Amino acid sequence: MKVTKVIIRGKVNKGSLLAFASAILDNGFVVNELRIIRTQDGRLTVQYPKSPHCRDESQYLYRPINEETRRLIEQAVINEYQ
């Protein structure tokens, strides 16, 4: 899998939230509403949207299911943000 495009949408700088982003995978699938967050230790990370219909805090609309894919998307999004 390859991240073929990243679009940074709305830099907001509200608390730890810095911006929203979208990532296009393999020119065929878009992942919207990614959040670029600054952690308490100062590093940047990407959070995925959670379902508004579920009370379970771990119920994401979509997310990587392995570390390699998570790293791939996170690096592409953060590189484009910086």
N, C-alpha and C. Protein backbone atom coordinates (compact mmCIF):
# COMPACT_ATOMS: atom_id res chain seq x y z
N MET A 1 0.85 -1.17 0.00
CA MET A 1 0.00 0.00 0.00
C MET A 1 0.89 1.23 0.00
N LYS A 2 0.41 2.28 -0.67
CA LYS A 2 1.16 3.52 -0.75
C LYS A 2 0.23 4.70 -0.49
N VAL A 3 0.72 5.67 0.27
CA VAL A 3 -0.02 6.92 0.45
C VAL A 3 0.34 7.79 -0.75
N THR A 4 -0.63 8.01 -1.64
CA THR A 4 -0.34 8.72 -2.88
C THR A 4 -0.57 10.22 -2.78
N LYS A 5 -1.32 10.66 -1.78
CA LYS A 5 -1.52 12.10 -1.61
C LYS A 5 -2.01 12.37 -0.18
N VAL A 6 -1.56 13.49 0.37
CA VAL A 6 -2.04 13.95 1.68
C VAL A 6 -2.50 15.38 1.51
N ILE A 7 -3.66 15.69 2.05
CA ILE A 7 -4.22 17.04 2.00
C ILE A 7 -4.41 17.50 3.45
N ILE A 8 -3.76 18.60 3.79
CA ILE A 8 -3.93 19.19 5.12
C ILE A 8 -5.11 20.14 5.04
N ARG A 9 -6.09 19.93 5.90
CA ARG A 9 -7.31 20.74 5.91
C ARG A 9 -7.43 21.47 7.24
N GLY A 10 -7.47 22.75 7.16
CA GLY A 10 -7.76 23.54 8.35
C GLY A 10 -6.81 23.40 9.50
N LYS A 11 -5.73 24.16 9.48
CA LYS A 11 -4.86 24.22 10.65
C LYS A 11 -5.63 24.97 11.73
N VAL A 12 -5.78 24.36 12.91
CA VAL A 12 -6.65 24.93 13.93
C VAL A 12 -5.93 25.36 15.20
N ASN A 13 -4.89 24.67 15.60
CA ASN A 13 -4.15 25.00 16.83
C ASN A 13 -5.05 25.22 18.04
N LYS A 14 -5.90 24.25 18.35
CA LYS A 14 -6.76 24.29 19.53
C LYS A 14 -6.28 23.23 20.52
N GLY A 15 -5.57 23.68 21.54
CA GLY A 15 -5.01 22.73 22.50
C GLY A 15 -3.99 21.85 21.81
N SER A 16 -4.16 20.54 21.93
CA SER A 16 -3.22 19.62 21.30
C SER A 16 -3.54 19.36 19.83
N LEU A 17 -4.75 19.74 19.38
CA LEU A 17 -5.16 19.56 17.99
C LEU A 17 -4.52 20.64 17.13
N LEU A 18 -3.76 20.22 16.12
CA LEU A 18 -3.07 21.17 15.25
C LEU A 18 -3.76 21.36 13.91
N ALA A 19 -4.29 20.26 13.34
CA ALA A 19 -4.90 20.35 12.00
C ALA A 19 -5.67 19.07 11.71
N PHE A 20 -6.47 19.15 10.64
CA PHE A 20 -7.15 17.97 10.09
C PHE A 20 -6.49 17.62 8.76
N ALA A 21 -6.56 16.35 8.38
CA ALA A 21 -5.94 15.92 7.13
C ALA A 21 -6.75 14.81 6.49
N SER A 22 -6.51 14.62 5.20
CA SER A 22 -7.03 13.48 4.45
C SER A 22 -5.85 12.80 3.80
N ALA A 23 -5.91 11.48 3.67
CA ALA A 23 -4.86 10.72 3.00
C ALA A 23 -5.50 9.85 1.92
N ILE A 24 -4.92 9.89 0.74
CA ILE A 24 -5.39 9.04 -0.36
C ILE A 24 -4.44 7.86 -0.47
N LEU A 25 -5.00 6.67 -0.46
CA LEU A 25 -4.22 5.43 -0.52
C LEU A 25 -4.34 4.79 -1.89
N ASP A 26 -3.21 4.51 -2.50
CA ASP A 26 -3.16 3.82 -3.80
C ASP A 26 -4.05 4.48 -4.86
N ASN A 27 -4.17 5.79 -4.81
CA ASN A 27 -5.01 6.53 -5.77
C ASN A 27 -6.43 5.99 -5.86
N GLY A 28 -6.90 5.31 -4.80
CA GLY A 28 -8.22 4.70 -4.91
C GLY A 28 -9.07 4.72 -3.65
N PHE A 29 -8.52 5.19 -2.53
CA PHE A 29 -9.30 5.19 -1.28
C PHE A 29 -8.88 6.39 -0.47
N VAL A 30 -9.86 7.17 0.00
CA VAL A 30 -9.54 8.35 0.79
C VAL A 30 -9.90 8.12 2.26
N VAL A 31 -9.02 8.57 3.13
CA VAL A 31 -9.23 8.50 4.57
C VAL A 31 -9.34 9.95 5.05
N ASN A 32 -10.54 10.37 5.45
CA ASN A 32 -10.80 11.75 5.85
C ASN A 32 -10.81 11.91 7.37
N GLU A 33 -10.78 13.16 7.80
CA GLU A 33 -10.93 13.55 9.21
C GLU A 33 -9.85 13.01 10.12
N LEU A 34 -8.64 12.83 9.58
CA LEU A 34 -7.50 12.49 10.43
C LEU A 34 -7.15 13.73 11.24
N ARG A 35 -6.76 13.54 12.47
CA ARG A 35 -6.38 14.68 13.33
C ARG A 35 -4.89 14.62 13.60
N ILE A 36 -4.24 15.74 13.38
CA ILE A 36 -2.82 15.85 13.71
C ILE A 36 -2.74 16.45 15.11
N ILE A 37 -2.11 15.71 16.01
CA ILE A 37 -2.09 16.03 17.43
C ILE A 37 -0.65 16.19 17.90
N ARG A 38 -0.41 17.15 18.80
CA ARG A 38 0.88 17.24 19.49
C ARG A 38 0.70 16.60 20.86
N THR A 39 1.48 15.56 21.13
CA THR A 39 1.37 14.86 22.40
C THR A 39 2.02 15.68 23.52
N GLN A 40 1.81 15.26 24.75
CA GLN A 40 2.38 15.99 25.90
C GLN A 40 3.90 16.04 25.86
N ASP A 41 4.52 15.03 25.26
CA ASP A 41 5.99 15.05 25.16
C ASP A 41 6.49 15.79 23.93
N GLY A 42 5.57 16.42 23.17
CA GLY A 42 5.95 17.29 22.06
C GLY A 42 6.02 16.65 20.69
N ARG A 43 5.80 15.36 20.59
CA ARG A 43 5.86 14.75 19.25
C ARG A 43 4.50 14.84 18.56
N LEU A 44 4.53 14.72 17.23
CA LEU A 44 3.30 14.76 16.45
C LEU A 44 2.82 13.35 16.20
N THR A 45 1.50 13.18 16.21
CA THR A 45 0.90 11.89 15.93
C THR A 45 -0.42 12.11 15.18
N VAL A 46 -0.98 11.05 14.65
CA VAL A 46 -2.23 11.11 13.90
C VAL A 46 -3.27 10.29 14.64
N GLN A 47 -4.46 10.87 14.81
CA GLN A 47 -5.58 10.15 15.41
C GLN A 47 -6.66 9.95 14.36
N TYR A 48 -7.37 8.85 14.48
CA TYR A 48 -8.44 8.49 13.55
C TYR A 48 -9.79 8.84 14.15
N PRO A 49 -10.79 9.14 13.31
CA PRO A 49 -12.10 9.53 13.84
C PRO A 49 -12.82 8.36 14.51
N LYS A 50 -13.53 8.69 15.57
CA LYS A 50 -14.32 7.69 16.29
C LYS A 50 -15.78 7.82 15.89
N SER A 51 -16.51 6.74 16.01
CA SER A 51 -17.93 6.73 15.68
C SER A 51 -18.71 7.59 16.67
N PRO A 52 -19.53 8.51 16.17
CA PRO A 52 -20.33 9.32 17.08
C PRO A 52 -21.50 8.53 17.69
N HIS A 53 -21.76 7.34 17.18
CA HIS A 53 -22.90 6.54 17.62
C HIS A 53 -22.55 5.48 18.64
N CYS A 54 -21.31 5.46 19.06
CA CYS A 54 -20.87 4.43 19.99
C CYS A 54 -20.25 5.07 21.23
N ARG A 55 -20.57 4.56 22.37
CA ARG A 55 -20.02 5.11 23.62
C ARG A 55 -18.66 4.52 23.95
N ASP A 56 -18.30 3.45 23.28
CA ASP A 56 -17.00 2.81 23.50
C ASP A 56 -15.91 3.70 22.91
N GLU A 57 -14.97 4.15 23.74
CA GLU A 57 -13.91 5.07 23.32
C GLU A 57 -13.01 4.49 22.23
N SER A 58 -12.98 3.17 22.07
CA SER A 58 -12.08 2.57 21.08
C SER A 58 -12.79 2.23 19.77
N GLN A 59 -13.99 2.72 19.56
CA GLN A 59 -14.75 2.41 18.36
C GLN A 59 -14.43 3.42 17.25
N TYR A 60 -13.40 3.12 16.47
CA TYR A 60 -12.99 3.99 15.38
C TYR A 60 -13.80 3.68 14.12
N LEU A 61 -14.02 4.72 13.30
CA LEU A 61 -14.70 4.50 12.03
C LEU A 61 -13.83 3.67 11.10
N TYR A 62 -12.55 3.95 11.11
CA TYR A 62 -11.55 3.17 10.37
C TYR A 62 -10.21 3.43 11.04
N ARG A 63 -9.30 2.47 10.89
CA ARG A 63 -7.98 2.60 11.49
C ARG A 63 -7.07 1.53 10.90
N PRO A 64 -5.77 1.75 10.95
CA PRO A 64 -4.85 0.70 10.50
C PRO A 64 -4.93 -0.50 11.44
N ILE A 65 -4.78 -1.69 10.90
CA ILE A 65 -4.86 -2.87 11.75
C ILE A 65 -3.48 -3.44 12.07
N ASN A 66 -2.43 -2.78 11.57
CA ASN A 66 -1.08 -3.21 11.95
C ASN A 66 -0.17 -2.00 12.06
N GLU A 67 0.93 -2.19 12.75
CA GLU A 67 1.88 -1.11 13.04
C GLU A 67 2.52 -0.54 11.77
N GLU A 68 2.81 -1.38 10.82
CA GLU A 68 3.45 -0.93 9.58
C GLU A 68 2.56 0.06 8.82
N THR A 69 1.29 -0.25 8.72
CA THR A 69 0.36 0.63 8.02
C THR A 69 0.14 1.92 8.81
N ARG A 70 0.04 1.82 10.12
CA ARG A 70 -0.12 3.01 10.94
C ARG A 70 1.06 3.95 10.74
N ARG A 71 2.26 3.41 10.78
CA ARG A 71 3.47 4.21 10.60
C ARG A 71 3.52 4.85 9.21
N LEU A 72 3.15 4.10 8.20
CA LEU A 72 3.15 4.60 6.82
C LEU A 72 2.26 5.82 6.67
N ILE A 73 1.03 5.73 7.17
CA ILE A 73 0.08 6.84 7.07
C ILE A 73 0.53 8.00 7.94
N GLU A 74 0.94 7.72 9.16
CA GLU A 74 1.35 8.77 10.09
C GLU A 74 2.54 9.56 9.53
N GLN A 75 3.54 8.87 9.01
CA GLN A 75 4.71 9.57 8.48
C GLN A 75 4.34 10.46 7.29
N ALA A 76 3.50 9.95 6.40
CA ALA A 76 3.10 10.74 5.22
C ALA A 76 2.32 11.99 5.64
N VAL A 77 1.40 11.84 6.58
CA VAL A 77 0.59 12.98 7.03
C VAL A 77 1.45 14.01 7.76
N ILE A 78 2.29 13.56 8.66
CA ILE A 78 3.13 14.49 9.41
C ILE A 78 4.14 15.19 8.51
N ASN A 79 4.72 14.47 7.56
CA ASN A 79 5.66 15.08 6.61
C ASN A 79 4.97 16.19 5.81
N GLU A 80 3.75 15.95 5.38
CA GLU A 80 3.02 16.98 4.62
C GLU A 80 2.66 18.16 5.51
N TYR A 81 2.33 17.90 6.76
CA TYR A 81 1.99 18.98 7.69
C TYR A 81 3.19 19.88 7.96
N GLN A 82 4.34 19.28 8.13
CA GLN A 82 5.54 20.07 8.45
C GLN A 82 6.01 20.81 7.23
